Amino acid sequence: RLRVDDNAGGIDPRLLERIFEPFFTTKPIGLGTGLGLSVSYGIIDNMGGRLSVSNTEHGARFCVELPVVAG
């Protein structure tokens, strides 16, 4: 499990359910494709893991959880 927190105030709660959708962005036209989080979500999902986001008291929290692979 890898958790990354920021202190930038968080993500509008109305946007949290859409944040991993392809082409979803809050940036102005021409300043983002809205693919970064969607691609990341797909890669982690294909590895059997989970990518999630939530808000904390100070900002956003992204959590990457990957399965342990015995080798």
Protein backbone atom coordinates (compact mmCIF):
# COMPACT_ATOMS: atom_id res chain seq x y z
CA ARG A 1 0.00 0.00 0.00
CA LEU A 2 1.27 3.43 -0.98
CA ARG A 3 -0.54 6.49 0.25
CA VAL A 4 0.11 10.03 -0.97
CA ASP A 5 -1.48 13.01 0.78
CA ASP A 6 -1.34 16.67 -0.16
CA ASN A 7 -2.32 19.80 1.71
CA ALA A 8 -4.01 21.70 -1.12
CA GLY A 9 -7.54 21.68 0.29
CA GLY A 10 -8.84 18.49 -1.33
CA ILE A 11 -11.03 17.69 -4.30
CA ASP A 12 -14.57 18.98 -4.68
CA PRO A 13 -16.69 16.09 -3.29
CA ARG A 14 -18.98 16.31 -6.33
CA LEU A 15 -16.01 15.40 -8.54
CA LEU A 16 -14.64 12.47 -6.53
CA GLU A 17 -16.91 9.90 -8.19
CA ARG A 18 -15.77 11.00 -11.68
CA ILE A 19 -12.06 11.52 -11.09
CA PHE A 20 -10.96 8.25 -12.74
CA GLU A 21 -13.19 8.62 -15.83
CA PRO A 22 -11.31 8.89 -19.15
CA PHE A 23 -11.06 12.47 -20.44
CA PHE A 24 -12.46 13.99 -17.23
CA THR A 25 -10.52 17.11 -16.29
CA THR A 26 -11.10 20.30 -14.35
CA LYS A 27 -8.44 22.13 -16.35
CA PRO A 28 -9.31 24.64 -19.07
CA ILE A 29 -9.56 23.38 -22.65
CA GLY A 30 -6.12 22.70 -24.09
CA LEU A 31 -4.36 22.32 -20.73
CA GLY A 32 -5.02 18.68 -19.99
CA THR A 33 -6.31 15.51 -21.58
CA GLY A 34 -7.95 13.99 -18.54
CA LEU A 35 -6.20 10.68 -19.13
CA GLY A 36 -3.55 10.51 -16.39
CA LEU A 37 -5.68 9.19 -13.54
CA SER A 38 -7.74 7.00 -15.85
CA VAL A 39 -4.63 5.32 -17.29
CA SER A 40 -3.15 4.92 -13.81
CA TYR A 41 -6.39 3.36 -12.60
CA GLY A 42 -6.37 0.89 -15.51
CA ILE A 43 -2.74 -0.15 -14.99
CA ILE A 44 -3.24 -0.74 -11.27
CA ASP A 45 -6.52 -2.58 -11.89
CA ASN A 46 -4.82 -4.85 -14.46
CA MET A 47 -2.21 -5.72 -11.85
CA GLY A 48 -4.96 -6.85 -9.48
CA GLY A 49 -4.71 -3.72 -7.38
CA ARG A 50 -6.82 -0.77 -6.45
CA LEU A 51 -6.43 2.99 -6.83
CA SER A 52 -8.65 5.15 -4.66
CA VAL A 53 -9.01 8.79 -3.69
CA SER A 54 -10.52 10.55 -0.70
CA ASN A 55 -10.30 13.88 1.06
CA THR A 56 -8.59 14.39 4.39
CA GLU A 57 -8.74 17.35 6.74
CA HIS A 58 -6.02 19.16 4.76
CA GLY A 59 -6.18 17.84 1.20
CA ALA A 60 -6.53 14.88 -1.12
CA ARG A 61 -5.31 11.35 -0.42
CA PHE A 62 -4.54 8.85 -3.17
CA CYS A 63 -4.00 5.24 -2.19
CA VAL A 64 -2.45 2.54 -4.39
CA GLU A 65 -2.91 -1.02 -3.16
CA LEU A 66 -1.20 -3.89 -4.96
CA PRO A 67 -1.32 -7.59 -4.18
CA VAL A 68 1.71 -9.31 -2.71
CA VAL A 69 3.19 -11.71 -5.22
CA ALA A 70 5.16 -14.64 -3.82
CA GLY A 71 8.11 -15.57 -5.92
